[in-house]
Structure formats: structure tokens, C-alpha cells
Amino acid sequence: MTLYEELKARGLVAQITDEEIIDLINNGKATFYIGFDCTADSLTAGHFMALTLMKRLQMAGNKPIALIGGGTTMIGDPSGRTDMRKMLTKEDIAHNAACFKKQMEKFIDFSEGKALMLNNADWLLDLNYIELLREVGPCFSVNNMLLCVVLLYILSIPRYVSLDDTSIDIHCIVDLTRIHLEDVELIRRIEPDEFRRLWPLLGSYGFWGYFGYYFSFREWNLYKVYASERKNLVLIEDIYEDTFIISCEQADELITLVIEARDRKRAEILRHTGKIPGGENVF
């Protein structure tokens, strides 16, 4: 079994953009990076999988780059959640980055140039707005930027919604949004009048459909909308307080199936763990 086949068998490969990378990593000739934003002074269990992947690739002769996000950690989290990442001081970020490096050295061999550790603060924090406009601005015309925005909208158009035993999948042209059934807190129909009270923040409001981020001043809530029309609307809220609005021709049937599937999934999780997703422990 080659290295690539082993990684794929372990579920560590989702997709690749160029099959040439397979030969590179199998022959130990690839240089790769994984980024770590230093929002705390310790790595987490989630980082462990990335570190073990780096270790496997390095053991095969490939060269890892651990990219510390000292610059990107200076800004809020762009994940689209309703809460923003806590702002840290430069001193806190530098301290966290130093802690990350010390912990990573227990997994990755940085001796003799076998691996690199870089910090994007080294080049991002020195960026100047005027210099950026002067050096980078001429490379992008307004027409090209508008074309990119239009293409982004088109590629984000929702196509259809599918449901299986584990999740609700919202399929767009080049994207997929997945809502795990056990995380569904609420699902119900909404009328077009309710939708009219939402303000589009980023996205489309009827030209190609209704999608993007919408805001309700009445409820002070942010919605992620994936609707091809302003009817047959279904609202879904998960245990993380993310709220989605989708359009579905069989809205009532979808709601019934989701509730039934969610309850079965939660019952299964409860039998195995004694815990309800998003709820209190059961003893």
C-alpha cells in the first residue's frame, strides 16, 4: 500500500486538485503546509489529527511547513458564525505562537531543515494600506472584480436539498452545506411575509434566487439563506444557534422526515453515549 492509499483508506483525503501530487508524496518529494491560528496557548485534540498527518508525510520524506497564524489571529473569525472570535493582544498572540512551536517540536522534526515553522505575522503585519493599493491594485480592474462577484453569486445558487439518515445536504453548484440531523434544534415552515422582514447583508435578493446572509432586526438574528424562490420556505435552527432558510417543493414532507430521522438519530446516540446532542447529560 502506498502512502497516498494509506491516507485515503484512513479518511484523511477528501479531494485533490491535481493527481501529480500523488506521485510526489509517495516518493517523498512534496513540500506542504498546514496552518494553525494561535487563539489559545495550547494545541487541541483537533490539531492532533493535522499533526499526525504531517508526521506521516514527513516520515515518508516529504517536507512540512507549520504555518503559525500570528497575523490572521489579529482579526476576527471569518467563519460566518454569529459570535466573533475574541480579540487578542500582540503579546498574547506571540505567547500562544511560542507555546504552539514548543508543542509541535514533540511531533515534527525541525532539525537540519527537515521542516519549517513560519509565522504569517512576519509579512502580514508590515502591510500598509496605501502600499497594498499601489502594488496590488493595478493588477485588478474594477470590471474583473465585478465579474468575480457575479461568478461567486452564480456558483452559490442553491440547486437542491437532499436528506439521508445522518444529515440534510444543501447542494449548490460548487459547494455543499451539511446540517447533521442530531444537531437540528428546530425545523418549521415560514411564510413569505416572514421572509420579507429579513434584510440581505451579502448575497442575492431575487436576481438568481435568494441566498447569502440575511439579518432580522426584529429578532436580531443572522440567517443563512439557500432559496431558489420566495415560497415553500423551511427554517432550520441547529444547536449551535445557526439558522438556515431553504426552499423545498415538498416542504411539509421534508419537515416530517427530518423530525423523524433526527429523533431516531438522537435516540441512537443516547443509547450509546447517554448524552443528548446539545442537551444535558442523562444519568
C-alpha atoms as a PDB file:
ATOM      1  CA  MET A   1       0.000   0.000   0.000  1.00  0.00           C
ATOM      2  CA  THR A   2       1.403   3.407  -0.973  1.00  0.00           C
ATOM      3  CA  LEU A   3       1.372   6.401   1.354  1.00  0.00           C
ATOM      4  CA  TYR A   4      -1.459   8.031  -0.579  1.00  0.00           C
ATOM      5  CA  GLU A   5      -3.542   4.854  -0.480  1.00  0.00           C
ATOM      6  CA  GLU A   6      -2.994   4.601   3.281  1.00  0.00           C
ATOM      7  CA  LEU A   7      -4.042   8.227   3.847  1.00  0.00           C
ATOM      8  CA  LYS A   8      -7.138   7.726   1.706  1.00  0.00           C
ATOM      9  CA  ALA A   9      -8.030   4.490   3.497  1.00  0.00           C
ATOM     10  CA  ARG A  10      -7.813   6.343   6.821  1.00  0.00           C
ATOM     11  CA  GLY A  11     -10.233   9.012   5.574  1.00  0.00           C
ATOM     12  CA  LEU A  12      -7.576  11.731   5.517  1.00  0.00           C
ATOM     13  CA  VAL A  13      -8.048  12.643   1.835  1.00  0.00           C
ATOM     14  CA  ALA A  14     -11.269  14.373   0.789  1.00  0.00           C
ATOM     15  CA  GLN A  15     -10.303  15.527  -2.698  1.00  0.00           C
ATOM     16  CA  ILE A  16      -7.283  16.548  -4.748  1.00  0.00           C
ATOM     17  CA  THR A  17      -6.875  19.189  -7.447  1.00  0.00           C
ATOM     18  CA  ASP A  18      -4.011  17.544  -9.346  1.00  0.00           C
ATOM     19  CA  GLU A  19      -3.190  13.833  -9.443  1.00  0.00           C
ATOM     20  CA  GLU A  20       0.506  14.642  -9.841  1.00  0.00           C
ATOM     21  CA  ILE A  21       0.576  15.254  -6.096  1.00  0.00           C
ATOM     22  CA  ILE A  22       0.072  11.506  -5.566  1.00  0.00           C
ATOM     23  CA  ASP A  23       3.447  10.630  -7.054  1.00  0.00           C
ATOM     24  CA  LEU A  24       5.107  13.500  -5.205  1.00  0.00           C
ATOM     25  CA  ILE A  25       4.010  12.417  -1.735  1.00  0.00           C
ATOM     26  CA  ASN A  26       4.554   8.728  -2.467  1.00  0.00           C
ATOM     27  CA  ASN A  27       8.146   9.490  -3.487  1.00  0.00           C
ATOM     28  CA  GLY A  28       8.785  11.907  -0.600  1.00  0.00           C
ATOM     29  CA  LYS A  29       9.270  14.949  -2.857  1.00  0.00           C
ATOM     30  CA  ALA A  30       6.382  17.167  -1.746  1.00  0.00           C
ATOM     31  CA  THR A  31       6.613  20.332   0.325  1.00  0.00           C
ATOM     32  CA  PHE A  32       3.320  21.069   2.072  1.00  0.00           C
ATOM     33  CA  TYR A  33       1.927  23.319   4.782  1.00  0.00           C
ATOM     34  CA  ILE A  34      -0.809  23.268   7.395  1.00  0.00           C
ATOM     35  CA  GLY A  35      -1.958  26.452   9.090  1.00  0.00           C
ATOM     36  CA  PHE A  36      -2.617  26.933  12.811  1.00  0.00           C
ATOM     37  CA  ASP A  37      -4.250  30.095  14.174  1.00  0.00           C
ATOM     38  CA  CYS A  38      -2.892  30.643  17.676  1.00  0.00           C
ATOM     39  CA  THR A  39      -6.078  31.641  19.519  1.00  0.00           C
ATOM     40  CA  ALA A  40      -5.038  29.802  22.695  1.00  0.00           C
ATOM     41  CA  ASP A  41      -1.796  28.839  24.400  1.00  0.00           C
ATOM     42  CA  SER A  42      -2.177  25.133  23.672  1.00  0.00           C
ATOM     43  CA  LEU A  43      -2.943  22.897  20.727  1.00  0.00           C
ATOM     44  CA  THR A  44      -6.201  20.957  20.883  1.00  0.00           C
ATOM     45  CA  ALA A  45      -7.320  17.439  20.042  1.00  0.00           C
ATOM     46  CA  GLY A  46      -8.472  18.822  16.692  1.00  0.00           C
ATOM     47  CA  HIS A  47      -4.912  19.890  15.898  1.00  0.00           C
ATOM     48  CA  PHE A  48      -3.665  16.387  16.724  1.00  0.00           C
ATOM     49  CA  MET A  49      -5.046  14.888  13.504  1.00  0.00           C
ATOM     50  CA  ALA A  50      -3.262  17.561  11.443  1.00  0.00           C
ATOM     51  CA  LEU A  51      -0.012  16.926  13.327  1.00  0.00           C
ATOM     52  CA  THR A  52      -0.209  13.159  12.834  1.00  0.00           C
ATOM     53  CA  LEU A  53      -0.823  13.735   9.121  1.00  0.00           C
ATOM     54  CA  MET A  54       2.222  15.996   8.978  1.00  0.00           C
ATOM     55  CA  LYS A  55       4.236  13.346  10.810  1.00  0.00           C
ATOM     56  CA  ARG A  56       3.199  10.577   8.400  1.00  0.00           C
ATOM     57  CA  LEU A  57       4.109  12.704   5.388  1.00  0.00           C
ATOM     58  CA  GLN A  58       7.437  13.724   6.926  1.00  0.00           C
ATOM     59  CA  MET A  59       8.342  10.110   7.748  1.00  0.00           C
ATOM     60  CA  ALA A  60       7.919   9.369   4.034  1.00  0.00           C
ATOM     61  CA  GLY A  61      10.472  12.056   3.153  1.00  0.00           C
ATOM     62  CA  ASN A  62       8.137  14.968   2.479  1.00  0.00           C
ATOM     63  CA  LYS A  63       8.882  18.412   3.934  1.00  0.00           C
ATOM     64  CA  PRO A  64       6.223  20.002   6.166  1.00  0.00           C
ATOM     65  CA  ILE A  65       5.733  23.704   6.835  1.00  0.00           C
ATOM     66  CA  ALA A  66       3.893  24.558  10.041  1.00  0.00           C
ATOM     67  CA  LEU A  67       2.346  27.950   9.318  1.00  0.00           C
ATOM     68  CA  ILE A  68       1.512  29.821  12.518  1.00  0.00           C
ATOM     69  CA  GLY A  69      -1.231  32.407  12.020  1.00  0.00           C
ATOM     70  CA  GLY A  70       0.232  35.192  14.108  1.00  0.00           C
ATOM     71  CA  GLY A  71      -1.108  37.721  11.596  1.00  0.00           C
ATOM     72  CA  THR A  72      -4.502  36.212  10.839  1.00  0.00           C
ATOM     73  CA  THR A  73      -5.177  35.723  14.561  1.00  0.00           C
ATOM     74  CA  MET A  74      -5.125  39.530  14.862  1.00  0.00           C
ATOM     75  CA  ILE A  75      -8.558  39.706  13.191  1.00  0.00           C
ATOM     76  CA  GLY A  76     -11.944  38.167  13.991  1.00  0.00           C
ATOM     77  CA  ASP A  77     -13.023  34.737  12.869  1.00  0.00           C
ATOM     78  CA  PRO A  78     -14.453  34.841   9.299  1.00  0.00           C
ATOM     79  CA  SER A  79     -16.366  31.595   9.710  1.00  0.00           C
ATOM     80  CA  GLY A  80     -19.803  33.218   9.367  1.00  0.00           C
ATOM     81  CA  ARG A  81     -20.914  32.417  12.896  1.00  0.00           C
ATOM     82  CA  THR A  82     -22.969  34.890  14.862  1.00  0.00           C
ATOM     83  CA  ASP A  83     -20.288  35.301  17.510  1.00  0.00           C
ATOM     84  CA  MET A  84     -16.831  36.699  16.760  1.00  0.00           C
ATOM     85  CA  ARG A  85     -13.535  35.306  17.889  1.00  0.00           C
ATOM     86  CA  LYS A  86     -12.054  37.026  20.925  1.00  0.00           C
ATOM     87  CA  MET A  87      -9.567  39.735  20.007  1.00  0.00           C
ATOM     88  CA  LEU A  88      -6.111  39.056  21.442  1.00  0.00           C
ATOM     89  CA  THR A  89      -3.227  41.439  22.049  1.00  0.00           C
ATOM     90  CA  LYS A  90       0.018  41.121  20.105  1.00  0.00           C
ATOM     91  CA  GLU A  91       1.689  39.913  23.287  1.00  0.00           C
ATOM     92  CA  ASP A  92      -0.925  37.173  23.810  1.00  0.00           C
ATOM     93  CA  ILE A  93      -0.608  36.015  20.211  1.00  0.00           C
ATOM     94  CA  ALA A  94       3.195  35.932  20.389  1.00  0.00           C
ATOM     95  CA  HIS A  95       2.968  33.903  23.614  1.00  0.00           C
ATOM     96  CA  ASN A  96       0.499  31.445  22.060  1.00  0.00           C
ATOM     97  CA  ALA A  97       2.684  31.071  18.959  1.00  0.00           C
ATOM     98  CA  ALA A  98       5.695  30.251  21.140  1.00  0.00           C
ATOM     99  CA  CYS A  99       3.643  27.629  23.003  1.00  0.00           C
ATOM    100  CA  PHE A 100       2.497  26.101  19.712  1.00  0.00           C
ATOM    101  CA  LYS A 101       6.081  25.814  18.498  1.00  0.00           C
ATOM    102  CA  LYS A 102       7.211  24.084  21.687  1.00  0.00           C
ATOM    103  CA  GLN A 103       4.393  21.548  21.445  1.00  0.00           C
ATOM    104  CA  MET A 104       4.852  20.918  17.714  1.00  0.00           C
ATOM    105  CA  GLU A 105       8.518  20.100  18.203  1.00  0.00           C
ATOM    106  CA  LYS A 106       7.398  16.976  20.083  1.00  0.00           C
ATOM    107  CA  PHE A 107       5.801  15.653  16.880  1.00  0.00           C
ATOM    108  CA  ILE A 108       7.645  17.217  13.954  1.00  0.00           C
ATOM    109  CA  ASP A 109      11.415  17.076  13.373  1.00  0.00           C
ATOM    110  CA  PHE A 110      12.555  20.635  12.594  1.00  0.00           C
ATOM    111  CA  SER A 111      16.289  19.819  12.663  1.00  0.00           C
ATOM    112  CA  GLU A 112      18.575  20.239   9.645  1.00  0.00           C
ATOM    113  CA  GLY A 113      15.864  21.837   7.504  1.00  0.00           C
ATOM    114  CA  LYS A 114      13.622  18.761   7.604  1.00  0.00           C
ATOM    115  CA  ALA A 115      10.675  21.034   8.367  1.00  0.00           C
ATOM    116  CA  LEU A 116       9.950  24.743   8.583  1.00  0.00           C
ATOM    117  CA  MET A 117       7.923  26.786  11.021  1.00  0.00           C
ATOM    118  CA  LEU A 118       6.766  30.124   9.638  1.00  0.00           C
ATOM    119  CA  ASN A 119       4.604  32.866  11.122  1.00  0.00           C
ATOM    120  CA  ASN A 120       2.441  34.885   8.729  1.00  0.00           C
ATOM    121  CA  ALA A 121       2.769  37.838  11.105  1.00  0.00           C
ATOM    122  CA  ASP A 122       6.262  38.277   9.639  1.00  0.00           C
ATOM    123  CA  TRP A 123       4.795  39.571   6.376  1.00  0.00           C
ATOM    124  CA  LEU A 124       1.148  40.440   7.127  1.00  0.00           C
ATOM    125  CA  LEU A 125       1.721  42.890   9.993  1.00  0.00           C
ATOM    126  CA  ASP A 126       4.015  45.033   7.865  1.00  0.00           C
ATOM    127  CA  LEU A 127       1.418  45.527   5.131  1.00  0.00           C
ATOM    128  CA  ASN A 128       0.481  49.151   4.541  1.00  0.00           C
ATOM    129  CA  TYR A 129      -2.887  50.036   3.019  1.00  0.00           C
ATOM    130  CA  ILE A 130      -1.533  52.603   0.559  1.00  0.00           C
ATOM    131  CA  GLU A 131       1.376  50.365  -0.441  1.00  0.00           C
ATOM    132  CA  LEU A 132      -1.036  47.481  -0.952  1.00  0.00           C
ATOM    133  CA  LEU A 133      -3.226  49.585  -3.253  1.00  0.00           C
ATOM    134  CA  ARG A 134      -0.181  50.837  -5.145  1.00  0.00           C
ATOM    135  CA  GLU A 135       1.459  47.433  -5.626  1.00  0.00           C
ATOM    136  CA  VAL A 136      -1.541  45.102  -5.901  1.00  0.00           C
ATOM    137  CA  GLY A 137      -4.326  47.425  -7.088  1.00  0.00           C
ATOM    138  CA  PRO A 138      -3.106  47.789 -10.702  1.00  0.00           C
ATOM    139  CA  CYS A 139      -3.303  44.021 -11.115  1.00  0.00           C
ATOM    140  CA  PHE A 140      -7.099  44.016 -10.743  1.00  0.00           C
ATOM    141  CA  SER A 141      -9.504  46.136 -12.745  1.00  0.00           C
ATOM    142  CA  VAL A 142     -12.940  47.059 -11.438  1.00  0.00           C
ATOM    143  CA  ASN A 143     -14.539  45.043 -14.249  1.00  0.00           C
ATOM    144  CA  ASN A 144     -12.606  41.935 -13.249  1.00  0.00           C
ATOM    145  CA  MET A 145     -13.581  42.332  -9.607  1.00  0.00           C
ATOM    146  CA  LEU A 146     -17.257  42.779 -10.536  1.00  0.00           C
ATOM    147  CA  LEU A 147     -17.032  39.688 -12.734  1.00  0.00           C
ATOM    148  CA  CYS A 148     -15.643  37.722  -9.776  1.00  0.00           C
ATOM    149  CA  VAL A 149     -18.543  38.869  -7.591  1.00  0.00           C
ATOM    150  CA  VAL A 150     -21.066  37.854 -10.263  1.00  0.00           C
ATOM    151  CA  LEU A 151     -19.425  34.431 -10.660  1.00  0.00           C
ATOM    152  CA  LEU A 152     -19.406  33.989  -6.879  1.00  0.00           C
ATOM    153  CA  TYR A 153     -23.152  34.630  -6.784  1.00  0.00           C
ATOM    154  CA  ILE A 154     -23.832  32.259  -9.681  1.00  0.00           C
ATOM    155  CA  LEU A 155     -21.735  29.469  -8.145  1.00  0.00           C
ATOM    156  CA  SER A 156     -23.572  29.898  -4.825  1.00  0.00           C
ATOM    157  CA  ILE A 157     -27.031  29.361  -6.302  1.00  0.00           C
ATOM    158  CA  PRO A 158     -28.789  26.554  -4.406  1.00  0.00           C
ATOM    159  CA  ARG A 159     -29.725  23.643  -6.676  1.00  0.00           C
ATOM    160  CA  TYR A 160     -31.478  21.122  -4.458  1.00  0.00           C
ATOM    161  CA  VAL A 161     -31.747  19.736  -0.920  1.00  0.00           C
ATOM    162  CA  SER A 162     -31.165  16.074  -0.075  1.00  0.00           C
ATOM    163  CA  LEU A 163     -31.800  14.112   3.106  1.00  0.00           C
ATOM    164  CA  ASP A 164     -30.289  10.841   4.331  1.00  0.00           C
ATOM    165  CA  ASP A 165     -30.029   9.058   7.685  1.00  0.00           C
ATOM    166  CA  THR A 166     -27.359  11.407   9.007  1.00  0.00           C
ATOM    167  CA  SER A 167     -27.713  14.883   7.506  1.00  0.00           C
ATOM    168  CA  ILE A 168     -29.545  17.495   5.461  1.00  0.00           C
ATOM    169  CA  ASP A 169     -27.375  18.471   2.492  1.00  0.00           C
ATOM    170  CA  ILE A 170     -27.848  21.788   0.677  1.00  0.00           C
ATOM    171  CA  HIS A 171     -26.286  21.407  -2.770  1.00  0.00           C
ATOM    172  CA  CYS A 172     -25.027  24.460  -4.646  1.00  0.00           C
ATOM    173  CA  ILE A 173     -23.177  24.465  -7.954  1.00  0.00           C
ATOM    174  CA  VAL A 174     -19.720  24.130  -6.389  1.00  0.00           C
ATOM    175  CA  ASP A 175     -20.475  23.958  -2.674  1.00  0.00           C
ATOM    176  CA  LEU A 176     -22.217  21.776  -0.146  1.00  0.00           C
ATOM    177  CA  THR A 177     -23.642  22.810   3.216  1.00  0.00           C
ATOM    178  CA  ARG A 178     -24.295  19.924   5.588  1.00  0.00           C
ATOM    179  CA  ILE A 179     -26.515  20.050   8.683  1.00  0.00           C
ATOM    180  CA  HIS A 180     -26.208  16.959  10.866  1.00  0.00           C
ATOM    181  CA  LEU A 181     -29.593  15.618  11.928  1.00  0.00           C
ATOM    182  CA  GLU A 182     -28.667  15.259  15.599  1.00  0.00           C
ATOM    183  CA  ASP A 183     -27.839  18.982  15.631  1.00  0.00           C
ATOM    184  CA  VAL A 184     -31.274  20.122  14.387  1.00  0.00           C
ATOM    185  CA  GLU A 185     -32.970  22.031  17.201  1.00  0.00           C
ATOM    186  CA  LEU A 186     -35.942  23.399  15.270  1.00  0.00           C
ATOM    187  CA  ILE A 187     -37.456  22.960  11.809  1.00  0.00           C
ATOM    188  CA  ARG A 188     -40.650  24.633  10.603  1.00  0.00           C
ATOM    189  CA  ARG A 189     -42.263  26.335   7.635  1.00  0.00           C
ATOM    190  CA  ILE A 190     -42.151  30.095   7.297  1.00  0.00           C
ATOM    191  CA  GLU A 191     -44.466  32.247   5.238  1.00  0.00           C
ATOM    192  CA  PRO A 192     -43.262  34.694   2.562  1.00  0.00           C
ATOM    193  CA  ASP A 193     -44.313  37.593   4.809  1.00  0.00           C
ATOM    194  CA  GLU A 194     -41.764  36.498   7.404  1.00  0.00           C
ATOM    195  CA  PHE A 195     -39.085  36.376   4.746  1.00  0.00           C
ATOM    196  CA  ARG A 196     -39.833  39.937   3.606  1.00  0.00           C
ATOM    197  CA  ARG A 197     -38.796  41.203   7.028  1.00  0.00           C
ATOM    198  CA  LEU A 198     -35.241  39.960   6.502  1.00  0.00           C
ATOM    199  CA  TRP A 199     -32.540  42.305   5.230  1.00  0.00           C
ATOM    200  CA  PRO A 200     -29.936  40.916   2.801  1.00  0.00           C
ATOM    201  CA  LEU A 201     -26.417  41.624   4.038  1.00  0.00           C
ATOM    202  CA  LEU A 202     -24.412  39.661   1.489  1.00  0.00           C
ATOM    203  CA  GLY A 203     -25.822  37.649  -1.367  1.00  0.00           C
ATOM    204  CA  SER A 204     -28.657  37.830  -3.865  1.00  0.00           C
ATOM    205  CA  TYR A 205     -32.170  39.112  -3.339  1.00  0.00           C
ATOM    206  CA  GLY A 206     -34.165  37.597  -6.149  1.00  0.00           C
ATOM    207  CA  PHE A 207     -31.954  38.051  -9.221  1.00  0.00           C
ATOM    208  CA  TRP A 208     -30.726  34.433  -9.286  1.00  0.00           C
ATOM    209  CA  GLY A 209     -32.573  33.341  -6.193  1.00  0.00           C
ATOM    210  CA  TYR A 210     -32.305  34.167  -2.513  1.00  0.00           C
ATOM    211  CA  PHE A 211     -29.057  33.133  -0.925  1.00  0.00           C
ATOM    212  CA  GLY A 212     -26.387  34.578   1.302  1.00  0.00           C
ATOM    213  CA  TYR A 213     -26.577  36.161   4.734  1.00  0.00           C
ATOM    214  CA  TYR A 214     -29.775  37.894   5.860  1.00  0.00           C
ATOM    215  CA  PHE A 215     -30.473  39.764   9.085  1.00  0.00           C
ATOM    216  CA  SER A 216     -33.633  40.152  11.149  1.00  0.00           C
ATOM    217  CA  PHE A 217     -33.881  43.414  13.103  1.00  0.00           C
ATOM    218  CA  ARG A 218     -36.939  42.068  14.885  1.00  0.00           C
ATOM    219  CA  GLU A 219     -35.120  39.058  16.299  1.00  0.00           C
ATOM    220  CA  TRP A 220     -31.529  40.346  15.969  1.00  0.00           C
ATOM    221  CA  ASN A 221     -30.599  37.108  14.326  1.00  0.00           C
ATOM    222  CA  LEU A 222     -28.457  36.190  11.324  1.00  0.00           C
ATOM    223  CA  TYR A 223     -29.838  33.754   8.759  1.00  0.00           C
ATOM    224  CA  LYS A 224     -28.084  31.719   6.084  1.00  0.00           C
ATOM    225  CA  VAL A 225     -30.461  31.580   3.150  1.00  0.00           C
ATOM    226  CA  TYR A 226     -30.414  28.976   0.366  1.00  0.00           C
ATOM    227  CA  ALA A 227     -33.673  29.553  -1.508  1.00  0.00           C
ATOM    228  CA  SER A 228     -34.360  29.472  -5.230  1.00  0.00           C
ATOM    229  CA  GLU A 229     -37.780  31.097  -4.725  1.00  0.00           C
ATOM    230  CA  ARG A 230     -39.687  33.028  -2.096  1.00  0.00           C
ATOM    231  CA  LYS A 231     -42.160  30.293  -1.298  1.00  0.00           C
ATOM    232  CA  ASN A 232     -42.143  26.780   0.149  1.00  0.00           C
ATOM    233  CA  LEU A 233     -39.677  28.096   2.729  1.00  0.00           C
ATOM    234  CA  VAL A 234     -38.343  25.990   5.606  1.00  0.00           C
ATOM    235  CA  LEU A 235     -36.433  27.353   8.596  1.00  0.00           C
ATOM    236  CA  ILE A 236     -33.857  25.154  10.305  1.00  0.00           C
ATOM    237  CA  GLU A 237     -32.053  26.078  13.529  1.00  0.00           C
ATOM    238  CA  ASP A 238     -29.285  23.934  14.974  1.00  0.00           C
ATOM    239  CA  ILE A 239     -27.947  23.526  18.496  1.00  0.00           C
ATOM    240  CA  TYR A 240     -25.129  25.968  17.686  1.00  0.00           C
ATOM    241  CA  GLU A 241     -27.698  28.749  17.067  1.00  0.00           C
ATOM    242  CA  ASP A 242     -27.017  28.791  13.329  1.00  0.00           C
ATOM    243  CA  THR A 243     -30.236  29.445  11.405  1.00  0.00           C
ATOM    244  CA  PHE A 244     -30.856  28.362   7.815  1.00  0.00           C
ATOM    245  CA  ILE A 245     -33.705  29.073   5.407  1.00  0.00           C
ATOM    246  CA  ILE A 246     -34.157  26.797   2.401  1.00  0.00           C
ATOM    247  CA  SER A 247     -36.827  26.410  -0.267  1.00  0.00           C
ATOM    248  CA  CYS A 248     -38.261  22.988  -0.977  1.00  0.00           C
ATOM    249  CA  GLU A 249     -41.213  21.945  -3.134  1.00  0.00           C
ATOM    250  CA  GLN A 250     -42.164  19.220  -0.635  1.00  0.00           C
ATOM    251  CA  ALA A 251     -41.645  21.412   2.435  1.00  0.00           C
ATOM    252  CA  ASP A 252     -44.110  19.642   4.738  1.00  0.00           C
ATOM    253  CA  GLU A 253     -42.794  16.218   3.781  1.00  0.00           C
ATOM    254  CA  LEU A 254     -39.211  17.345   4.360  1.00  0.00           C
ATOM    255  CA  ILE A 255     -40.077  18.673   7.833  1.00  0.00           C
ATOM    256  CA  THR A 256     -41.762  15.401   8.810  1.00  0.00           C
ATOM    257  CA  LEU A 257     -38.897  13.260   7.514  1.00  0.00           C
ATOM    258  CA  VAL A 258     -36.256  15.423   9.232  1.00  0.00           C
ATOM    259  CA  ILE A 259     -38.025  15.289  12.600  1.00  0.00           C
ATOM    260  CA  GLU A 260     -38.427  11.522  12.379  1.00  0.00           C
ATOM    261  CA  ALA A 261     -34.847  10.954  11.246  1.00  0.00           C
ATOM    262  CA  ARG A 262     -33.475  13.365  13.864  1.00  0.00           C
ATOM    263  CA  ASP A 263     -35.332  11.645  16.685  1.00  0.00           C
ATOM    264  CA  ARG A 264     -34.061   8.240  15.546  1.00  0.00           C
ATOM    265  CA  LYS A 265     -30.504   9.569  15.363  1.00  0.00           C
ATOM    266  CA  ARG A 266     -30.692  11.180  18.790  1.00  0.00           C
ATOM    267  CA  ALA A 267     -32.146   8.008  20.295  1.00  0.00           C
ATOM    268  CA  GLU A 268     -29.262   6.036  18.810  1.00  0.00           C
ATOM    269  CA  ILE A 269     -26.705   8.484  20.219  1.00  0.00           C
ATOM    270  CA  LEU A 270     -28.442   8.428  23.594  1.00  0.00           C
ATOM    271  CA  ARG A 271     -28.262   4.616  23.734  1.00  0.00           C
ATOM    272  CA  HIS A 272     -24.539   4.622  23.013  1.00  0.00           C
ATOM    273  CA  THR A 273     -23.354   7.666  24.966  1.00  0.00           C
ATOM    274  CA  GLY A 274     -26.031   8.599  27.471  1.00  0.00           C
ATOM    275  CA  LYS A 275     -25.952  12.148  26.126  1.00  0.00           C
ATOM    276  CA  ILE A 276     -28.382  14.189  24.091  1.00  0.00           C
ATOM    277  CA  PRO A 277     -26.652  16.388  21.451  1.00  0.00           C
ATOM    278  CA  GLY A 278     -26.759  19.958  22.645  1.00  0.00           C
ATOM    279  CA  GLY A 279     -28.568  18.974  25.849  1.00  0.00           C
ATOM    280  CA  GLU A 280     -27.814  17.852  29.381  1.00  0.00           C
ATOM    281  CA  ASN A 281     -26.166  14.565  30.221  1.00  0.00           C
ATOM    282  CA  VAL A 282     -28.530  11.726  31.110  1.00  0.00           C
ATOM    283  CA  PHE A 283     -27.629   9.560  34.094  1.00  0.00           C
END
